[in-house]
Amino acid sequence: MNIINVTPIFLSPDQKIPNNPELPLLLYWQVFSESNKLEHEFKEAFRRNNWAGTWTNGVFNYHHYHSIAHEVLGVAAGTATLILGGPQGHELTITAGDMVVLPAGTGHCKKTASSDFVVVGAYPQGQVEYDICTESDYVAEKQKNIARVPLPATDPVAGATGPLLKHWQKKG
C-alpha cells in the first residue's frame, strides 16, 4: 500500500439527491500501485478491514445513492469520470489504484469510462444489504434512513487507524 493521500469533499444536497449532511466523500489517491493485481489487493484490504459484500463491476450510468449503507469503490482497472452529488454535482476523474468512499446518501453516476474500467465495491460490516435510490425516490424518507446509518468501525484499507476515522465523525 502506498502512503495514503485523502481528499475530503462535502457535497451539498441536490433537489433529488440528499447527499450526506455530516460526512464528506473521501477520495483516496493511488492507494495501491497500478498493477495487474489491483482487484485482488482491494478485495484483500476490504476483507482484512471488515468491509464485506464485495463485488467487481462498474458504476451505473444514472444518478443513484444508497440510503442504508456506506460504500467503497476501489478502481481495479481503467479510468472513469464520475459525477458525484447529483446532476449538478462534482465531476471527478479516477484511475486504477484510486478509491472513493461514499457516505450513505451520496449521489454517484458514471459519466464516461475507458473500455477496461472496473471497480471493486464493498460495504462496512453489518451494512451488506443496501438499497439503490434514484432521483424519483422520496428524499425526505431516505434522509431518515441516512441519519441512522452507523459509522464504520474501520477504514476500508488502513483499518482502525485509517483516515476515514479522522474524517468521519457524527455530530452530537
C-alpha atoms as a PDB file:
ATOM      1  CA  MET A   1       0.000   0.000   0.000  1.00  0.00           C
ATOM      2  CA  ASN A   2       1.236   3.476  -0.849  1.00  0.00           C
ATOM      3  CA  ILE A   3       1.179   6.444   1.539  1.00  0.00           C
ATOM      4  CA  ILE A   4      -2.490   7.324   1.831  1.00  0.00           C
ATOM      5  CA  ASN A   5      -3.362  10.717   0.336  1.00  0.00           C
ATOM      6  CA  VAL A   6      -7.029  11.536   1.033  1.00  0.00           C
ATOM      7  CA  THR A   7      -9.151  14.462  -0.126  1.00  0.00           C
ATOM      8  CA  PRO A   8     -12.467  15.004   1.711  1.00  0.00           C
ATOM      9  CA  ILE A   9     -15.284  16.655  -0.256  1.00  0.00           C
ATOM     10  CA  PHE A  10     -18.514  17.851   1.355  1.00  0.00           C
ATOM     11  CA  LEU A  11     -21.416  17.729  -1.088  1.00  0.00           C
ATOM     12  CA  SER A  12     -24.487  19.929  -0.717  1.00  0.00           C
ATOM     13  CA  PRO A  13     -27.907  18.362  -1.090  1.00  0.00           C
ATOM     14  CA  ASP A  14     -29.327  18.327  -4.594  1.00  0.00           C
ATOM     15  CA  GLN A  15     -33.102  18.657  -5.066  1.00  0.00           C
ATOM     16  CA  LYS A  16     -33.451  14.931  -5.648  1.00  0.00           C
ATOM     17  CA  ILE A  17     -30.181  13.544  -4.240  1.00  0.00           C
ATOM     18  CA  PRO A  18     -29.779  14.066  -0.468  1.00  0.00           C
ATOM     19  CA  ASN A  19     -26.005  13.510  -0.157  1.00  0.00           C
ATOM     20  CA  ASN A  20     -24.796  13.243   3.413  1.00  0.00           C
ATOM     21  CA  PRO A  21     -25.266  16.255   5.706  1.00  0.00           C
ATOM     22  CA  GLU A  22     -22.489  15.233   8.136  1.00  0.00           C
ATOM     23  CA  LEU A  23     -19.894  13.131   6.321  1.00  0.00           C
ATOM     24  CA  PRO A  24     -17.633  14.048   3.411  1.00  0.00           C
ATOM     25  CA  LEU A  25     -16.982  11.853   0.420  1.00  0.00           C
ATOM     26  CA  LEU A  26     -13.373  10.648   0.683  1.00  0.00           C
ATOM     27  CA  LEU A  27     -11.054  10.365  -2.319  1.00  0.00           C
ATOM     28  CA  TYR A  28      -8.013   8.171  -1.783  1.00  0.00           C
ATOM     29  CA  TRP A  29      -5.411   8.796  -4.477  1.00  0.00           C
ATOM     30  CA  GLN A  30      -3.303   5.851  -5.658  1.00  0.00           C
ATOM     31  CA  VAL A  31      -3.877   3.586  -2.666  1.00  0.00           C
ATOM     32  CA  PHE A  32      -2.144   0.750  -4.482  1.00  0.00           C
ATOM     33  CA  SER A  33       0.422   0.963  -7.263  1.00  0.00           C
ATOM     34  CA  GLU A  34      -1.028   0.313 -10.661  1.00  0.00           C
ATOM     35  CA  SER A  35      -0.589  -3.378 -11.379  1.00  0.00           C
ATOM     36  CA  ASN A  36      -2.448  -6.357 -12.691  1.00  0.00           C
ATOM     37  CA  LYS A  37      -3.248  -7.331  -9.067  1.00  0.00           C
ATOM     38  CA  LEU A  38      -5.389  -4.338  -8.063  1.00  0.00           C
ATOM     39  CA  GLU A  39      -8.646  -6.282  -7.897  1.00  0.00           C
ATOM     40  CA  HIS A  40      -7.041  -8.775  -5.506  1.00  0.00           C
ATOM     41  CA  GLU A  41      -5.347  -6.012  -3.477  1.00  0.00           C
ATOM     42  CA  PHE A  42      -8.603  -4.092  -2.963  1.00  0.00           C
ATOM     43  CA  LYS A  43     -10.611  -7.233  -2.132  1.00  0.00           C
ATOM     44  CA  GLU A  44      -7.996  -8.404   0.356  1.00  0.00           C
ATOM     45  CA  ALA A  45      -7.752  -4.978   2.041  1.00  0.00           C
ATOM     46  CA  PHE A  46     -11.533  -4.712   2.303  1.00  0.00           C
ATOM     47  CA  ARG A  47     -11.783  -8.244   3.754  1.00  0.00           C
ATOM     48  CA  ARG A  48      -8.958  -7.633   6.233  1.00  0.00           C
ATOM     49  CA  ASN A  49     -10.657  -4.427   7.440  1.00  0.00           C
ATOM     50  CA  ASN A  50     -14.186  -5.861   7.738  1.00  0.00           C
ATOM     51  CA  TRP A  51     -15.730  -4.293   4.653  1.00  0.00           C
ATOM     52  CA  ALA A  52     -17.886  -7.014   3.152  1.00  0.00           C
ATOM     53  CA  GLY A  53     -20.256  -7.885   0.323  1.00  0.00           C
ATOM     54  CA  THR A  54     -17.507  -7.291  -2.235  1.00  0.00           C
ATOM     55  CA  TRP A  55     -18.376  -7.189  -5.891  1.00  0.00           C
ATOM     56  CA  THR A  56     -16.485  -6.403  -9.105  1.00  0.00           C
ATOM     57  CA  ASN A  57     -18.142  -4.469 -11.919  1.00  0.00           C
ATOM     58  CA  GLY A  58     -18.529  -0.836 -12.963  1.00  0.00           C
ATOM     59  CA  VAL A  59     -20.601   2.150 -11.842  1.00  0.00           C
ATOM     60  CA  PHE A  60     -24.165   2.731 -13.058  1.00  0.00           C
ATOM     61  CA  ASN A  61     -24.546   5.450 -15.693  1.00  0.00           C
ATOM     62  CA  TYR A  62     -27.510   7.033 -13.896  1.00  0.00           C
ATOM     63  CA  HIS A  63     -27.613   9.104 -10.712  1.00  0.00           C
ATOM     64  CA  HIS A  64     -28.212   6.932  -7.667  1.00  0.00           C
ATOM     65  CA  TYR A  65     -27.344   6.629  -3.990  1.00  0.00           C
ATOM     66  CA  HIS A  66     -27.684   4.235  -1.082  1.00  0.00           C
ATOM     67  CA  SER A  67     -29.663   5.333   1.974  1.00  0.00           C
ATOM     68  CA  ILE A  68     -28.952   2.377   4.278  1.00  0.00           C
ATOM     69  CA  ALA A  69     -25.222   1.766   3.721  1.00  0.00           C
ATOM     70  CA  HIS A  70     -21.907   3.476   3.074  1.00  0.00           C
ATOM     71  CA  GLU A  71     -19.968   2.196   0.024  1.00  0.00           C
ATOM     72  CA  VAL A  72     -16.336   1.993  -1.073  1.00  0.00           C
ATOM     73  CA  LEU A  73     -15.230   1.818  -4.721  1.00  0.00           C
ATOM     74  CA  GLY A  74     -11.650   0.762  -5.466  1.00  0.00           C
ATOM     75  CA  VAL A  75     -10.598   1.266  -9.095  1.00  0.00           C
ATOM     76  CA  ALA A  76      -9.084  -2.037 -10.228  1.00  0.00           C
ATOM     77  CA  ALA A  77      -8.553  -1.086 -13.885  1.00  0.00           C
ATOM     78  CA  GLY A  78      -9.037   1.734 -16.352  1.00  0.00           C
ATOM     79  CA  THR A  79     -10.260   5.250 -15.803  1.00  0.00           C
ATOM     80  CA  ALA A  80     -13.624   6.981 -15.479  1.00  0.00           C
ATOM     81  CA  THR A  81     -15.214  10.338 -14.882  1.00  0.00           C
ATOM     82  CA  LEU A  82     -17.876  10.184 -12.196  1.00  0.00           C
ATOM     83  CA  ILE A  83     -20.467  12.789 -11.288  1.00  0.00           C
ATOM     84  CA  LEU A  84     -20.736  12.900  -7.507  1.00  0.00           C
ATOM     85  CA  GLY A  85     -23.540  14.570  -5.586  1.00  0.00           C
ATOM     86  CA  GLY A  86     -26.270  14.612  -8.242  1.00  0.00           C
ATOM     87  CA  PRO A  87     -26.738  16.036 -11.751  1.00  0.00           C
ATOM     88  CA  GLN A  88     -25.233  19.414 -10.798  1.00  0.00           C
ATOM     89  CA  GLY A  89     -22.523  17.765  -8.709  1.00  0.00           C
ATOM     90  CA  HIS A  90     -18.769  17.432  -8.725  1.00  0.00           C
ATOM     91  CA  GLU A  91     -17.047  15.736 -11.685  1.00  0.00           C
ATOM     92  CA  LEU A  92     -14.079  13.604 -10.759  1.00  0.00           C
ATOM     93  CA  THR A  93     -11.728  11.526 -12.880  1.00  0.00           C
ATOM     94  CA  ILE A  94     -10.460   8.391 -11.163  1.00  0.00           C
ATOM     95  CA  THR A  95      -7.851   5.915 -12.357  1.00  0.00           C
ATOM     96  CA  ALA A  96      -6.598   2.445 -11.475  1.00  0.00           C
ATOM     97  CA  GLY A  97      -5.350   2.448  -7.870  1.00  0.00           C
ATOM     98  CA  ASP A  98      -7.683   5.251  -6.684  1.00  0.00           C
ATOM     99  CA  MET A  99     -10.520   4.679  -4.227  1.00  0.00           C
ATOM    100  CA  VAL A 100     -13.705   6.583  -3.349  1.00  0.00           C
ATOM    101  CA  VAL A 101     -15.588   6.165  -0.065  1.00  0.00           C
ATOM    102  CA  LEU A 102     -19.199   7.286  -0.367  1.00  0.00           C
ATOM    103  CA  PRO A 103     -21.138   8.051   2.805  1.00  0.00           C
ATOM    104  CA  ALA A 104     -24.776   6.947   2.753  1.00  0.00           C
ATOM    105  CA  GLY A 105     -26.864   9.327   0.634  1.00  0.00           C
ATOM    106  CA  THR A 106     -24.064  10.372  -1.725  1.00  0.00           C
ATOM    107  CA  GLY A 107     -25.150  10.507  -5.338  1.00  0.00           C
ATOM    108  CA  HIS A 108     -22.868   8.902  -7.894  1.00  0.00           C
ATOM    109  CA  CYS A 109     -23.062   8.290 -11.632  1.00  0.00           C
ATOM    110  CA  LYS A 110     -20.608   7.236 -14.331  1.00  0.00           C
ATOM    111  CA  LYS A 111     -20.307   9.950 -16.995  1.00  0.00           C
ATOM    112  CA  THR A 112     -17.605   8.301 -19.112  1.00  0.00           C
ATOM    113  CA  ALA A 113     -15.210   5.380 -18.738  1.00  0.00           C
ATOM    114  CA  SER A 114     -12.472   3.564 -20.589  1.00  0.00           C
ATOM    115  CA  SER A 115     -13.470   0.180 -22.013  1.00  0.00           C
ATOM    116  CA  ASP A 116     -11.404  -1.596 -19.342  1.00  0.00           C
ATOM    117  CA  PHE A 117     -12.869   0.330 -16.340  1.00  0.00           C
ATOM    118  CA  VAL A 118     -13.501  -1.959 -13.342  1.00  0.00           C
ATOM    119  CA  VAL A 119     -14.207  -1.186  -9.697  1.00  0.00           C
ATOM    120  CA  VAL A 120     -14.307  -3.356  -6.603  1.00  0.00           C
ATOM    121  CA  GLY A 121     -17.092  -2.329  -4.253  1.00  0.00           C
ATOM    122  CA  ALA A 122     -17.804  -3.195  -0.621  1.00  0.00           C
ATOM    123  CA  TYR A 123     -19.743  -2.066   2.448  1.00  0.00           C
ATOM    124  CA  PRO A 124     -18.875  -1.754   6.147  1.00  0.00           C
ATOM    125  CA  GLN A 125     -19.506  -4.795   8.316  1.00  0.00           C
ATOM    126  CA  GLY A 126     -23.238  -5.036   9.063  1.00  0.00           C
ATOM    127  CA  GLN A 127     -24.226  -2.954   6.017  1.00  0.00           C
ATOM    128  CA  VAL A 128     -24.012  -5.532   3.220  1.00  0.00           C
ATOM    129  CA  GLU A 129     -27.704  -5.067   2.463  1.00  0.00           C
ATOM    130  CA  TYR A 130     -28.108  -1.858   0.535  1.00  0.00           C
ATOM    131  CA  ASP A 131     -30.766  -0.090  -1.482  1.00  0.00           C
ATOM    132  CA  ILE A 132     -30.459   1.649  -4.827  1.00  0.00           C
ATOM    133  CA  CYS A 133     -32.232   5.002  -4.688  1.00  0.00           C
ATOM    134  CA  THR A 134     -32.710   7.320  -7.668  1.00  0.00           C
ATOM    135  CA  GLU A 135     -33.954  10.819  -8.303  1.00  0.00           C
ATOM    136  CA  SER A 136     -37.528   9.510  -8.304  1.00  0.00           C
ATOM    137  CA  ASP A 137     -37.363   8.368  -4.652  1.00  0.00           C
ATOM    138  CA  TYR A 138     -38.944  10.433  -1.897  1.00  0.00           C
ATOM    139  CA  VAL A 139     -35.891  12.203  -0.430  1.00  0.00           C
ATOM    140  CA  ALA A 140     -37.373  13.074   2.992  1.00  0.00           C
ATOM    141  CA  GLU A 141     -37.945   9.392   3.769  1.00  0.00           C
ATOM    142  CA  LYS A 142     -34.445   8.449   2.574  1.00  0.00           C
ATOM    143  CA  GLN A 143     -32.888  11.177   4.758  1.00  0.00           C
ATOM    144  CA  LYS A 144     -34.301   9.400   7.822  1.00  0.00           C
ATOM    145  CA  ASN A 145     -32.517   6.215   6.725  1.00  0.00           C
ATOM    146  CA  ILE A 146     -29.244   8.074   6.103  1.00  0.00           C
ATOM    147  CA  ALA A 147     -29.281   9.577   9.614  1.00  0.00           C
ATOM    148  CA  ARG A 148     -29.499   6.053  11.111  1.00  0.00           C
ATOM    149  CA  VAL A 149     -26.542   4.518   9.240  1.00  0.00           C
ATOM    150  CA  PRO A 150     -23.764   3.847  11.769  1.00  0.00           C
ATOM    151  CA  LEU A 151     -20.188   4.889  11.206  1.00  0.00           C
ATOM    152  CA  PRO A 152     -17.822   2.119  10.082  1.00  0.00           C
ATOM    153  CA  ALA A 153     -15.508   0.725  12.756  1.00  0.00           C
ATOM    154  CA  THR A 154     -12.555   0.664  10.332  1.00  0.00           C
ATOM    155  CA  ASP A 155     -11.112   2.363   7.291  1.00  0.00           C
ATOM    156  CA  PRO A 156     -11.514   0.073   4.223  1.00  0.00           C
ATOM    157  CA  VAL A 157      -7.764  -0.108   3.524  1.00  0.00           C
ATOM    158  CA  ALA A 158      -5.988   1.186   6.644  1.00  0.00           C
ATOM    159  CA  GLY A 159      -8.052  -0.405   9.402  1.00  0.00           C
ATOM    160  CA  ALA A 160      -8.628   1.020  12.876  1.00  0.00           C
ATOM    161  CA  THR A 161      -6.168   3.905  12.467  1.00  0.00           C
ATOM    162  CA  GLY A 162      -7.050   4.941   8.905  1.00  0.00           C
ATOM    163  CA  PRO A 163      -8.039   8.383   7.647  1.00  0.00           C
ATOM    164  CA  LEU A 164     -11.746   7.565   7.433  1.00  0.00           C
ATOM    165  CA  LEU A 165     -11.955   7.532  11.233  1.00  0.00           C
ATOM    166  CA  LYS A 166     -10.475  11.037  11.383  1.00  0.00           C
ATOM    167  CA  HIS A 167     -12.729  12.483   8.667  1.00  0.00           C
ATOM    168  CA  TRP A 168     -15.974  10.719   9.601  1.00  0.00           C
ATOM    169  CA  GLN A 169     -17.312  11.743  12.981  1.00  0.00           C
ATOM    170  CA  LYS A 170     -21.013  12.272  13.596  1.00  0.00           C
ATOM    171  CA  LYS A 171     -22.057  15.456  15.323  1.00  0.00           C
ATOM    172  CA  GLY A 172     -23.872  15.490  18.625  1.00  0.00           C
END
